[in-house]
Amino acid sequence: MDQNIDQRGMSSEPELVSIPATPKGGGLSTPETNAPTPSGLRSPRPMGGVASAKSSSWGPTPPRLLSPVSISAMGTPVKRIIGSLKGYLEEVGHLTRLNPQDAWLPITESRSGNAHYAAFHSLNAGLGFQALLLPVAFSFLGWSWGIVALTIAYFWQLYTLWILVKLHEAVPGRRYNRYVELAQAAFGEKLGVWLALFPTVYLSAGTATALILIGGETMKLFFQIVCGSLCTTNPLSTIEWYLVFVSLCIVLSQLPNLNSIAGLSLVGGVTAVTYCTLSWVLSVSQVRPRAISYQPLHLPSFTGSGFSALNALGIIAFAFRGHNLALEIQATMPSTFKNPAHVPMWRGTKVAYILIAMCLFPTAIGGFWAYGNMMPTGGMLNALYAFHNHDIPQGLLATTFLLVVFNCLSSFQIYSMPVFDSFEAGYTSRTNRPCSIWVWAGFRVFYGFISLFIGVALPFLSSLAGLLGGLTLPVTFAYPCFMWILIKKPERYSFGWYLNWGLGLSGLGFSLAFSVGGIWSMVNSGLKLKFFKPN
């Protein structure tokens, strides 16, 4: 015994005390329990077994070591280590390969999002000035086709939004934080960029430019109502109001990342819901025009009537936006195996789109009921100002215009965030360091004034809405269906396979048809889409 102690070097490890009891059958007990544990201690042997150092099968086998019986036979330190490891793996799940550059970019810098933030961002991105144009579409489609088209478009885009939420982490170990990244994974590196880059850039930058035009002109109308005849000596021009609006946008855009503008998105969503509700409530509460008619507008030629209907359907499709931001919003949330990001994202999105439906359908139906085919091409606000300028209290009308301004300021931030992300991604990839405060502030100032220049230099930009809306329609209605087929690979000829192929091909066909309708609407001035008429 003394020799054994000397050979072991007076180790401080506790010795095993074995009770020499031979089990039934004369065999030895399992030798795995005599193996050293990860903590450096040896587990006590259960009663009724003898440890034999000369056993030929001394080494533990992995299956028996990890079996519940073996774990229960181990000591407390081993059980603690295995329990901690199991909890860690359940918490982390599939290990996501993180790109260190993501911590420097505004979309992925903060991962503290939740279902409330998802609802705020989705509502702000999905509801805006385009809702006020829906009665214009109804004036060319009529009651039946207008309601049917709006209902189909709503549930169609809701399904494709669900697809995008599910595909955010479709591949274990990878999060697709941006729409273009998911398109590259589905269609290939080069084809994905060609298919998705232009539509998403237009939906971000083009919408931001349109918001400048609408926000500046609405500020001018608000100022005229509030100030009245007292401020007619030297009023600001429309371009000067654009400059005022852009300056406010640049100040608000100094917030660093997508999560930091959650409060602005809440303001934008609340104001959008409020002015949509005010617009149709004020319209239906007033006396309707005498010459009102609900017959769809028809042009002299059959071809003209067909193209006008296509342009109206394009207006309805244009009302559903925000899909190009769904993955970016979901990227702001933490995600683990036990708590994946798609759960809070879909919960918040459902709340947001219930509110959106409660605004879109009453605005379209109530606006068309109040004005029929006499609806101005500028939408509900133009109708209120044209027909009820002297009937509605000026304070209430001014409040509605002010809410539109607040919504445009908030929507500008969330639609510009992907552009800011692209600017900063280019800078960080070249310099391998995060942007300083002066660099990212300069990017935002540059982008704001470039958008202002585009809006001023191209005053006919609003008349391109039908065309460009048709070109970007696949982002919402077609591409997600093809992505689901290419990534999830549903069984051929199954219901899901037919459904996604049918919706995807239909989306591409509608995109082509709406683009043709947009081109025709530009050629024929009768269907040019003008949001406001600046004085």
Protein backbone atom coordinates (compact mmCIF):
# COMPACT_ATOMS: atom_id res chain seq x y z
CA MET A 1 0.00 0.00 0.00
CA ASP A 2 2.92 2.36 0.85
CA GLN A 3 4.53 1.67 -2.50
CA ASN A 4 1.34 2.53 -4.31
CA ILE A 5 1.10 5.80 -2.44
CA ASP A 6 4.67 6.71 -3.30
CA GLN A 7 4.15 5.89 -6.98
CA ARG A 8 1.09 8.11 -7.10
CA GLY A 9 3.13 10.98 -5.75
CA MET A 10 0.93 11.60 -2.68
CA SER A 11 -1.90 12.76 -4.88
CA SER A 12 -4.54 14.86 -3.24
CA GLU A 13 -7.30 13.05 -5.11
CA PRO A 14 -9.70 11.20 -2.82
CA GLU A 15 -9.28 7.47 -2.98
CA LEU A 16 -12.08 5.18 -4.01
CA VAL A 17 -13.44 2.93 -1.38
CA SER A 18 -14.83 -0.23 -2.94
CA ILE A 19 -16.83 -2.90 -1.21
CA PRO A 20 -15.62 -6.26 -2.44
CA ALA A 21 -18.93 -7.81 -3.24
CA THR A 22 -19.07 -9.92 -6.38
CA PRO A 23 -22.25 -9.51 -8.37
CA LYS A 24 -24.43 -12.37 -9.37
CA GLY A 25 -22.82 -14.49 -11.98
CA GLY A 26 -19.29 -13.85 -10.78
CA GLY A 27 -18.71 -10.95 -13.20
CA LEU A 28 -17.20 -7.61 -12.39
CA SER A 29 -19.18 -4.40 -12.27
CA THR A 30 -18.98 -1.85 -15.05
CA PRO A 31 -15.59 -0.20 -15.07
CA GLU A 32 -16.78 3.22 -16.47
CA THR A 33 -17.57 4.53 -12.99
CA ASN A 34 -13.89 4.32 -12.02
CA ALA A 35 -12.87 6.69 -14.84
CA PRO A 36 -11.65 10.19 -13.96
CA THR A 37 -14.33 12.85 -14.37
CA PRO A 38 -13.81 16.16 -16.13
CA SER A 39 -13.51 17.84 -12.74
CA GLY A 40 -10.52 15.68 -11.78
CA LEU A 41 -12.45 13.71 -9.15
CA ARG A 42 -13.51 10.10 -9.23
CA SER A 43 -17.14 9.22 -8.79
CA PRO A 44 -18.03 6.97 -5.84
CA ARG A 45 -18.89 3.43 -6.86
CA PRO A 46 -22.36 2.13 -6.17
CA MET A 47 -22.73 -0.71 -3.71
CA GLY A 48 -22.26 -4.19 -4.98
CA GLY A 49 -19.33 -3.86 -7.38
CA VAL A 50 -15.53 -4.20 -7.42
CA ALA A 51 -13.20 -2.03 -9.48
CA SER A 52 -10.58 -4.05 -11.24
CA ALA A 53 -7.55 -2.15 -12.53
CA LYS A 54 -6.63 -5.15 -14.60
CA SER A 55 -9.88 -5.26 -16.53
CA SER A 56 -9.34 -5.42 -20.25
CA SER A 57 -12.36 -3.12 -20.87
CA TRP A 58 -11.34 -0.34 -18.49
CA GLY A 59 -11.85 2.53 -20.97
CA PRO A 60 -15.38 4.00 -21.03
CA THR A 61 -17.45 3.73 -24.19
CA PRO A 62 -19.22 6.94 -25.28
CA PRO A 63 -22.73 5.52 -25.55
CA ARG A 64 -22.70 4.17 -22.02
CA LEU A 65 -21.03 7.26 -20.60
CA LEU A 66 -23.76 9.51 -22.02
CA SER A 67 -26.64 7.20 -21.18
CA PRO A 68 -29.02 8.26 -18.40
CA VAL A 69 -27.96 5.30 -16.27
CA SER A 70 -24.30 6.24 -16.50
CA ILE A 71 -24.98 9.92 -15.79
CA SER A 72 -27.05 9.05 -12.74
CA ALA A 73 -24.18 6.88 -11.50
CA MET A 74 -21.69 9.74 -11.76
CA GLY A 75 -20.91 12.18 -9.01
CA THR A 76 -22.45 15.56 -8.52
CA PRO A 77 -19.64 17.56 -10.25
CA VAL A 78 -20.07 15.62 -13.48
CA LYS A 79 -23.82 15.97 -13.37
CA ARG A 80 -23.44 19.69 -12.88
CA ILE A 81 -21.09 20.01 -15.84
CA ILE A 82 -23.30 17.92 -18.13
CA GLY A 83 -26.42 19.77 -16.97
CA SER A 84 -24.80 23.12 -17.63
CA LEU A 85 -23.60 21.97 -21.05
CA LYS A 86 -27.05 20.68 -21.92
CA GLY A 87 -28.69 23.95 -20.86
CA TYR A 88 -26.17 25.93 -22.86
CA LEU A 89 -26.77 23.89 -25.99
CA GLU A 90 -30.54 24.23 -25.56
CA GLU A 91 -30.18 27.97 -25.10
CA VAL A 92 -27.81 28.55 -28.00
CA GLY A 93 -29.18 25.86 -30.28
CA HIS A 94 -27.50 25.81 -33.65
CA LEU A 95 -24.50 28.06 -33.37
CA THR A 96 -24.96 31.01 -35.67
CA ARG A 97 -21.86 32.08 -37.53
CA LEU A 98 -21.68 35.78 -36.79
CA ASN A 99 -20.01 38.26 -39.06
CA PRO A 100 -17.94 40.65 -36.89
CA GLN A 101 -18.79 43.46 -39.31
CA ASP A 102 -22.47 43.19 -38.35
CA ALA A 103 -21.70 44.75 -34.97
CA TRP A 104 -20.68 47.95 -36.80
CA LEU A 105 -23.75 48.30 -39.04
CA PRO A 106 -26.99 50.08 -38.08
CA ILE A 107 -29.33 47.17 -38.84
CA THR A 108 -27.49 44.49 -36.86
CA GLU A 109 -25.65 46.64 -34.30
CA SER A 110 -28.33 46.10 -31.65
CA ARG A 111 -29.97 42.71 -31.09
CA SER A 112 -32.30 43.78 -28.29
CA GLY A 113 -35.51 43.89 -30.34
CA ASN A 114 -38.76 42.26 -29.27
CA ALA A 115 -42.34 41.74 -30.40
CA HIS A 116 -43.29 45.32 -29.50
CA TYR A 117 -40.50 46.76 -31.62
CA ALA A 118 -41.52 44.45 -34.48
CA ALA A 119 -45.08 45.75 -34.27
CA PHE A 120 -43.92 49.39 -34.23
CA HIS A 121 -41.56 48.99 -37.18
CA SER A 122 -43.98 46.87 -39.24
CA LEU A 123 -46.83 49.31 -38.72
CA ASN A 124 -44.66 52.30 -39.60
CA ALA A 125 -43.29 50.58 -42.71
CA GLY A 126 -46.57 49.07 -43.88
CA LEU A 127 -48.97 51.98 -43.46
CA GLY A 128 -48.54 55.45 -44.87
CA PHE A 129 -49.58 57.95 -47.50
CA GLN A 130 -50.22 55.23 -50.09
CA ALA A 131 -53.35 54.21 -48.16
CA LEU A 132 -54.93 57.56 -49.05
CA LEU A 133 -54.72 56.66 -52.75
CA LEU A 134 -56.88 53.53 -52.53
CA PRO A 135 -60.18 55.38 -53.33
CA VAL A 136 -58.52 56.51 -56.56
CA ALA A 137 -58.14 52.85 -57.55
CA PHE A 138 -61.77 52.16 -56.63
CA SER A 139 -62.94 54.95 -58.93
CA PHE A 140 -61.59 52.92 -61.90
CA LEU A 141 -62.52 49.45 -60.61
CA GLY A 142 -65.89 50.00 -58.96
CA TRP A 143 -67.23 48.43 -55.78
CA SER A 144 -66.98 44.73 -56.61
CA TRP A 145 -63.61 44.53 -58.31
CA GLY A 146 -62.10 47.07 -55.94
CA ILE A 147 -63.03 45.14 -52.79
CA VAL A 148 -62.07 41.79 -54.33
CA ALA A 149 -58.68 43.06 -55.51
CA LEU A 150 -57.90 44.71 -52.16
CA THR A 151 -58.86 41.57 -50.21
CA ILE A 152 -56.80 39.23 -52.40
CA ALA A 153 -53.79 41.56 -52.28
CA TYR A 154 -53.98 41.81 -48.48
CA PHE A 155 -53.97 38.07 -47.81
CA TRP A 156 -51.46 37.43 -50.58
CA GLN A 157 -48.91 39.83 -49.13
CA LEU A 158 -49.62 38.51 -45.62
CA TYR A 159 -48.68 35.01 -46.80
CA THR A 160 -45.46 36.19 -48.46
CA LEU A 161 -44.59 38.13 -45.31
CA TRP A 162 -44.97 34.91 -43.30
CA ILE A 163 -42.60 33.23 -45.77
CA LEU A 164 -39.95 35.91 -45.23
CA VAL A 165 -40.25 35.61 -41.45
CA LYS A 166 -39.78 31.84 -41.65
CA LEU A 167 -36.85 32.03 -44.08
CA HIS A 168 -34.85 34.38 -41.87
CA GLU A 169 -33.20 31.34 -40.24
CA ALA A 170 -34.05 28.67 -42.78
CA VAL A 171 -30.47 27.33 -42.82
CA PRO A 172 -29.10 26.25 -39.42
CA GLY A 173 -26.23 28.44 -38.37
CA ARG A 174 -27.10 31.35 -40.68
CA ARG A 175 -29.31 34.42 -40.31
CA TYR A 176 -30.30 36.26 -43.45
CA ASN A 177 -30.38 39.79 -42.08
CA ARG A 178 -31.18 41.56 -45.34
CA TYR A 179 -33.49 40.92 -48.28
CA VAL A 180 -30.61 40.83 -50.77
CA GLU A 181 -28.80 38.19 -48.67
CA LEU A 182 -31.84 35.91 -48.79
CA ALA A 183 -32.18 36.46 -52.54
CA GLN A 184 -28.52 35.49 -53.01
CA ALA A 185 -29.04 32.32 -50.97
CA ALA A 186 -32.06 31.36 -53.08
CA PHE A 187 -31.13 32.50 -56.60
CA GLY A 188 -27.33 32.54 -56.43
CA GLU A 189 -24.81 35.26 -55.68
CA LYS A 190 -24.98 37.19 -58.97
CA LEU A 191 -28.59 36.52 -59.98
CA GLY A 192 -29.84 37.32 -56.49
CA VAL A 193 -28.19 40.74 -56.60
CA TRP A 194 -29.59 41.48 -60.07
CA LEU A 195 -33.12 40.46 -59.10
CA ALA A 196 -33.37 42.04 -55.65
CA LEU A 197 -30.97 44.99 -55.50
CA PHE A 198 -32.82 47.43 -57.77
CA PRO A 199 -36.33 46.83 -56.36
CA THR A 200 -35.20 47.07 -52.75
CA VAL A 201 -33.07 50.16 -53.38
CA TYR A 202 -35.98 51.85 -55.14
CA LEU A 203 -38.42 50.91 -52.39
CA SER A 204 -36.06 52.47 -49.84
CA ALA A 205 -34.59 55.46 -51.67
CA GLY A 206 -37.60 56.09 -53.94
CA THR A 207 -40.03 55.99 -51.04
CA ALA A 208 -37.80 58.35 -49.06
CA THR A 209 -37.79 60.80 -51.98
CA ALA A 210 -41.57 60.60 -52.29
CA LEU A 211 -41.88 61.23 -48.55
CA ILE A 212 -39.84 64.42 -48.97
CA LEU A 213 -42.20 65.65 -51.68
CA ILE A 214 -45.34 64.76 -49.74
CA GLY A 215 -44.02 65.97 -46.39
CA GLY A 216 -42.82 69.31 -47.76
CA GLU A 217 -46.04 70.02 -49.63
CA THR A 218 -48.17 68.99 -46.63
CA MET A 219 -46.15 71.33 -44.41
CA LYS A 220 -46.94 74.13 -46.84
CA LEU A 221 -50.68 73.35 -46.71
CA PHE A 222 -50.57 73.16 -42.93
CA PHE A 223 -48.84 76.54 -42.78
CA GLN A 224 -51.43 78.08 -45.10
CA ILE A 225 -54.31 76.82 -42.96
CA VAL A 226 -52.81 77.86 -39.63
CA CYS A 227 -51.34 81.19 -40.71
CA GLY A 228 -54.00 82.15 -43.21
CA SER A 229 -53.92 85.69 -44.57
CA LEU A 230 -51.40 86.84 -41.97
CA CYS A 231 -48.48 85.18 -43.75
CA THR A 232 -49.11 86.03 -47.38
CA THR A 233 -46.49 88.79 -47.69
CA ASN A 234 -43.45 86.60 -48.23
CA PRO A 235 -44.37 82.89 -48.00
CA LEU A 236 -41.90 80.08 -48.54
CA SER A 237 -41.90 78.39 -51.92
CA THR A 238 -42.55 74.69 -52.30
CA ILE A 239 -38.84 73.91 -52.78
CA GLU A 240 -38.03 75.82 -49.61
CA TRP A 241 -40.55 73.71 -47.73
CA TYR A 242 -38.82 70.61 -49.15
CA LEU A 243 -35.58 71.95 -47.67
CA VAL A 244 -37.21 72.48 -44.26
CA PHE A 245 -38.57 68.95 -44.28
CA VAL A 246 -35.23 67.42 -45.32
CA SER A 247 -33.44 69.31 -42.57
CA LEU A 248 -35.79 67.80 -39.99
CA CYS A 249 -35.25 64.35 -41.50
CA ILE A 250 -31.46 64.70 -41.29
CA VAL A 251 -31.64 65.72 -37.63
CA LEU A 252 -33.76 62.66 -36.76
CA SER A 253 -31.57 60.34 -38.86
CA GLN A 254 -28.64 60.83 -36.47
CA LEU A 255 -30.04 58.02 -34.32
CA PRO A 256 -27.48 55.23 -34.64
CA ASN A 257 -29.37 52.00 -35.42
CA LEU A 258 -32.72 50.42 -36.24
CA ASN A 259 -33.63 49.63 -32.63
CA SER A 260 -32.96 53.23 -31.60
CA ILE A 261 -35.77 54.50 -33.86
CA ALA A 262 -38.43 52.24 -32.30
CA GLY A 263 -39.96 55.30 -30.63
CA LEU A 264 -40.12 57.11 -33.96
CA SER A 265 -41.74 54.06 -35.54
CA LEU A 266 -44.36 54.08 -32.78
CA VAL A 267 -45.07 57.75 -33.49
CA GLY A 268 -45.25 57.04 -37.22
CA GLY A 269 -47.62 54.12 -36.77
CA VAL A 270 -49.94 55.98 -34.40
CA THR A 271 -50.09 59.05 -36.62
CA ALA A 272 -50.76 56.94 -39.73
CA VAL A 273 -53.64 55.12 -38.02
CA THR A 274 -55.00 58.45 -36.76
CA TYR A 275 -54.95 60.38 -40.03
CA CYS A 276 -56.30 57.43 -42.03
CA THR A 277 -59.18 57.20 -39.58
CA LEU A 278 -59.74 60.96 -39.58
CA SER A 279 -59.71 61.12 -43.38
CA TRP A 280 -62.50 58.62 -43.90
CA VAL A 281 -64.53 59.64 -40.84
CA LEU A 282 -64.50 63.31 -41.88
CA SER A 283 -65.37 62.32 -45.46
CA VAL A 284 -68.37 60.14 -44.67
CA SER A 285 -69.69 62.63 -42.09
CA GLN A 286 -70.04 65.38 -44.69
CA VAL A 287 -72.64 65.82 -47.41
CA ARG A 288 -71.68 63.98 -50.58
CA PRO A 289 -71.30 65.88 -53.87
CA ARG A 290 -74.54 66.06 -55.87
CA ALA A 291 -73.15 64.66 -59.11
CA ILE A 292 -71.57 61.65 -57.39
CA SER A 293 -71.55 58.34 -59.27
CA TYR A 294 -70.19 54.92 -58.41
CA GLN A 295 -69.82 53.67 -61.95
CA PRO A 296 -66.19 52.92 -62.84
CA LEU A 297 -64.55 55.55 -64.98
CA HIS A 298 -64.33 54.47 -68.60
CA LEU A 299 -62.19 55.98 -71.31
CA PRO A 300 -63.34 56.25 -74.93
CA SER A 301 -61.27 53.29 -76.12
CA PHE A 302 -61.32 49.74 -74.80
CA THR A 303 -57.54 49.73 -74.63
CA GLY A 304 -57.52 52.88 -72.52
CA SER A 305 -60.06 51.42 -70.11
CA GLY A 306 -57.98 48.25 -69.78
CA PHE A 307 -54.80 50.15 -69.03
CA SER A 308 -56.60 52.36 -66.53
CA ALA A 309 -57.79 49.23 -64.69
CA LEU A 310 -54.22 47.89 -64.65
CA ASN A 311 -52.95 51.16 -63.25
CA ALA A 312 -55.64 51.02 -60.55
CA LEU A 313 -54.54 47.51 -59.60
CA GLY A 314 -51.00 48.85 -59.44
CA ILE A 315 -52.15 51.48 -56.94
CA ILE A 316 -53.61 48.71 -54.76
CA ALA A 317 -50.36 46.73 -54.98
CA PHE A 318 -48.42 49.89 -54.15
CA ALA A 319 -50.44 50.20 -50.92
CA PHE A 320 -48.70 47.11 -49.51
CA ARG A 321 -45.10 47.93 -48.80
CA GLY A 322 -42.59 47.06 -46.12
CA HIS A 323 -41.61 43.54 -47.20
CA ASN A 324 -38.17 44.79 -48.15
CA LEU A 325 -37.70 45.67 -44.46
CA ALA A 326 -39.08 42.50 -42.85
CA LEU A 327 -35.75 40.67 -42.62
CA GLU A 328 -34.00 43.81 -41.42
CA ILE A 329 -36.54 44.23 -38.61
CA GLN A 330 -36.18 40.58 -37.60
CA ALA A 331 -32.39 40.93 -37.60
CA THR A 332 -32.64 43.27 -34.60
CA MET A 333 -33.92 40.44 -32.37
CA PRO A 334 -31.93 37.86 -30.42
CA SER A 335 -32.43 34.29 -31.57
CA THR A 336 -31.74 30.97 -29.83
CA PHE A 337 -32.85 27.39 -30.29
CA LYS A 338 -35.41 27.70 -27.50
CA ASN A 339 -36.50 31.22 -28.43
CA PRO A 340 -36.12 31.74 -32.21
CA ALA A 341 -36.55 35.24 -33.59
CA HIS A 342 -39.46 34.32 -35.84
CA VAL A 343 -41.80 33.87 -32.85
CA PRO A 344 -41.77 37.49 -31.55
CA MET A 345 -41.43 38.79 -35.11
CA TRP A 346 -44.60 37.08 -36.29
CA ARG A 347 -46.44 38.02 -33.11
CA GLY A 348 -45.66 41.70 -33.61
CA THR A 349 -46.33 41.54 -37.34
CA LYS A 350 -49.79 40.06 -36.84
CA VAL A 351 -50.77 42.92 -34.54
CA ALA A 352 -49.40 45.48 -36.99
CA TYR A 353 -51.25 44.06 -40.00
CA ILE A 354 -54.52 43.79 -38.14
CA LEU A 355 -54.25 47.54 -37.55
CA ILE A 356 -53.25 48.06 -41.18
CA ALA A 357 -56.34 46.19 -42.37
CA MET A 358 -58.48 48.29 -40.03
CA CYS A 359 -57.16 51.38 -41.81
CA LEU A 360 -56.89 50.30 -45.45
CA PHE A 361 -60.35 48.85 -45.92
CA PRO A 362 -62.34 51.69 -44.26
CA THR A 363 -60.23 54.31 -46.05
CA ALA A 364 -60.81 52.71 -49.46
CA ILE A 365 -64.50 51.98 -48.95
CA GLY A 366 -65.36 55.14 -47.02
CA GLY A 367 -63.45 57.39 -49.41
CA PHE A 368 -65.11 55.90 -52.47
CA TRP A 369 -68.55 56.11 -50.81
CA ALA A 370 -68.00 59.80 -50.01
CA TYR A 371 -66.65 60.93 -53.39
CA GLY A 372 -67.31 58.12 -55.91
CA ASN A 373 -65.62 58.59 -59.24
CA MET A 374 -65.15 62.29 -58.45
CA MET A 375 -62.17 61.37 -56.27
CA PRO A 376 -59.17 63.60 -57.15
CA THR A 377 -56.07 61.80 -58.34
CA GLY A 378 -54.21 63.09 -55.27
CA GLY A 379 -56.24 60.95 -52.89
CA MET A 380 -58.18 61.58 -49.71
CA LEU A 381 -56.37 64.68 -48.46
CA ASN A 382 -56.85 66.44 -51.77
CA ALA A 383 -60.54 65.48 -51.67
CA LEU A 384 -60.94 66.87 -48.15
CA TYR A 385 -59.24 70.10 -49.11
CA ALA A 386 -61.17 70.45 -52.40
CA PHE A 387 -64.71 69.54 -51.27
CA HIS A 388 -64.82 70.36 -47.55
CA ASN A 389 -62.29 73.11 -46.99
CA HIS A 390 -65.01 75.41 -45.63
CA ASP A 391 -67.18 72.72 -44.01
CA ILE A 392 -64.62 71.10 -41.71
CA PRO A 393 -63.15 73.13 -38.81
CA GLN A 394 -59.78 74.52 -39.82
CA GLY A 395 -58.15 73.24 -36.66
CA LEU A 396 -59.22 69.67 -37.38
CA LEU A 397 -58.07 69.89 -40.98
CA ALA A 398 -54.72 71.34 -39.90
CA THR A 399 -54.31 68.54 -37.34
CA THR A 400 -54.81 65.94 -40.07
CA PHE A 401 -52.12 67.57 -42.22
CA LEU A 402 -49.76 67.78 -39.24
CA LEU A 403 -50.20 64.06 -38.55
CA VAL A 404 -49.24 63.36 -42.16
CA VAL A 405 -46.04 65.39 -41.65
CA PHE A 406 -45.15 63.44 -38.49
CA ASN A 407 -45.76 60.15 -40.27
CA CYS A 408 -43.58 61.15 -43.22
CA LEU A 409 -40.74 62.13 -40.87
CA SER A 410 -40.95 58.77 -39.09
CA SER A 411 -41.30 56.70 -42.26
CA PHE A 412 -38.27 58.43 -43.79
CA GLN A 413 -36.09 57.02 -41.00
CA ILE A 414 -37.03 53.37 -41.35
CA TYR A 415 -36.97 53.40 -45.16
CA SER A 416 -33.58 55.13 -45.19
CA MET A 417 -31.98 52.71 -42.73
CA PRO A 418 -31.11 50.05 -45.39
CA VAL A 419 -29.40 52.76 -47.44
CA PHE A 420 -27.41 53.92 -44.42
CA ASP A 421 -26.52 50.28 -43.79
CA SER A 422 -25.19 49.91 -47.34
CA PHE A 423 -23.10 53.07 -47.05
CA GLU A 424 -21.55 51.96 -43.78
CA ALA A 425 -21.02 48.39 -45.00
CA GLY A 426 -18.96 49.72 -47.90
CA TYR A 427 -16.90 51.90 -45.57
CA THR A 428 -16.25 49.23 -42.94
CA SER A 429 -15.34 46.57 -45.52
CA ARG A 430 -12.67 48.87 -46.97
CA THR A 431 -11.25 50.25 -43.73
CA ASN A 432 -11.91 47.24 -41.44
CA ARG A 433 -13.07 49.55 -38.66
CA PRO A 434 -16.41 51.02 -37.57
CA CYS A 435 -17.60 54.38 -38.82
CA SER A 436 -16.77 57.35 -36.65
CA ILE A 437 -19.53 59.71 -35.64
CA TRP A 438 -18.46 62.19 -38.32
CA VAL A 439 -18.50 59.56 -41.06
CA TRP A 440 -21.97 58.17 -40.41
CA ALA A 441 -23.35 61.67 -39.80
CA GLY A 442 -21.87 62.70 -43.15
CA PHE A 443 -23.50 59.73 -44.86
CA ARG A 444 -26.90 60.78 -43.54
CA VAL A 445 -26.49 64.41 -44.55
CA PHE A 446 -25.31 63.36 -48.02
CA TYR A 447 -28.23 60.97 -48.50
CA GLY A 448 -30.81 63.52 -47.35
CA PHE A 449 -29.68 66.20 -49.80
CA ILE A 450 -29.26 63.71 -52.66
CA SER A 451 -32.90 62.68 -52.12
CA LEU A 452 -33.88 66.34 -52.10
CA PHE A 453 -32.01 66.95 -55.35
CA ILE A 454 -33.73 64.00 -57.04
CA GLY A 455 -37.15 65.21 -55.92
CA VAL A 456 -36.52 68.74 -57.16
CA ALA A 457 -34.76 67.78 -60.40
CA LEU A 458 -37.42 65.21 -61.35
CA PRO A 459 -40.76 66.85 -60.63
CA PHE A 460 -42.50 64.15 -62.66
CA LEU A 461 -41.27 61.46 -60.25
CA SER A 462 -44.74 61.01 -58.79
CA SER A 463 -46.11 60.07 -62.21
CA LEU A 464 -43.61 57.20 -62.29
CA ALA A 465 -45.23 55.60 -59.26
CA GLY A 466 -47.33 53.18 -61.31
CA LEU A 467 -44.38 52.08 -63.44
CA LEU A 468 -41.87 51.72 -60.64
CA GLY A 469 -44.51 50.20 -58.39
CA GLY A 470 -45.03 47.51 -61.01
CA LEU A 471 -41.30 46.92 -61.33
CA THR A 472 -40.90 46.47 -57.58
CA LEU A 473 -44.03 44.37 -57.10
CA PRO A 474 -42.09 41.03 -57.19
CA VAL A 475 -40.37 41.96 -53.92
CA THR A 476 -43.72 41.66 -52.15
CA PHE A 477 -45.74 39.17 -54.18
CA ALA A 478 -43.40 36.94 -56.23
CA TYR A 479 -39.85 36.54 -54.97
CA PRO A 480 -40.77 35.16 -51.51
CA CYS A 481 -42.70 32.30 -53.14
CA PHE A 482 -39.74 31.33 -55.34
CA MET A 483 -37.39 31.62 -52.35
CA TRP A 484 -39.53 29.18 -50.40
CA ILE A 485 -39.41 26.65 -53.22
CA LEU A 486 -35.63 26.95 -53.71
CA ILE A 487 -34.67 26.92 -50.03
CA LYS A 488 -37.32 24.72 -48.38
CA LYS A 489 -37.72 22.46 -51.43
CA PRO A 490 -41.31 21.27 -50.90
CA GLU A 491 -42.34 17.96 -52.42
CA ARG A 492 -42.96 18.23 -56.13
CA TYR A 493 -46.62 18.44 -57.17
CA SER A 494 -47.74 18.93 -53.57
CA PHE A 495 -50.21 21.65 -52.60
CA GLY A 496 -47.45 23.94 -51.30
CA TRP A 497 -45.43 23.41 -54.48
CA TYR A 498 -48.38 24.35 -56.72
CA LEU A 499 -49.38 27.26 -54.47
CA ASN A 500 -45.99 28.94 -54.45
CA TRP A 501 -45.35 28.40 -58.14
CA GLY A 502 -48.79 29.79 -58.97
CA LEU A 503 -48.44 32.84 -56.76
CA GLY A 504 -44.88 33.51 -57.90
CA LEU A 505 -45.68 33.33 -61.61
CA SER A 506 -48.85 35.37 -61.12
CA GLY A 507 -46.82 38.02 -59.30
CA LEU A 508 -44.38 38.28 -62.19
CA GLY A 509 -47.26 38.51 -64.68
CA PHE A 510 -48.98 41.24 -62.68
CA SER A 511 -45.68 43.08 -62.39
CA LEU A 512 -45.33 43.17 -66.16
CA ALA A 513 -48.96 44.21 -66.66
CA PHE A 514 -48.82 46.96 -64.04
CA SER A 515 -45.59 48.28 -65.52
CA VAL A 516 -47.26 48.55 -68.92
CA GLY A 517 -50.19 50.31 -67.26
CA GLY A 518 -47.78 52.71 -65.57
CA ILE A 519 -46.11 53.55 -68.90
CA TRP A 520 -49.50 54.18 -70.47
CA SER A 521 -50.54 56.41 -67.54
CA MET A 522 -47.46 58.58 -68.10
CA VAL A 523 -48.22 58.94 -71.79
CA ASN A 524 -51.84 59.86 -71.13
CA SER A 525 -52.02 62.69 -68.64
CA GLY A 526 -55.49 61.70 -67.52
CA LEU A 527 -54.09 59.02 -65.20
CA LYS A 528 -50.94 60.68 -63.90
CA LEU A 529 -50.62 60.09 -60.20
CA LYS A 530 -50.06 63.41 -58.44
CA PHE A 531 -50.11 63.30 -54.70
CA PHE A 532 -50.59 67.04 -54.24
CA LYS A 533 -50.83 70.14 -56.38
CA PRO A 534 -48.43 72.73 -55.01
CA ASN A 535 -49.60 76.28 -55.21
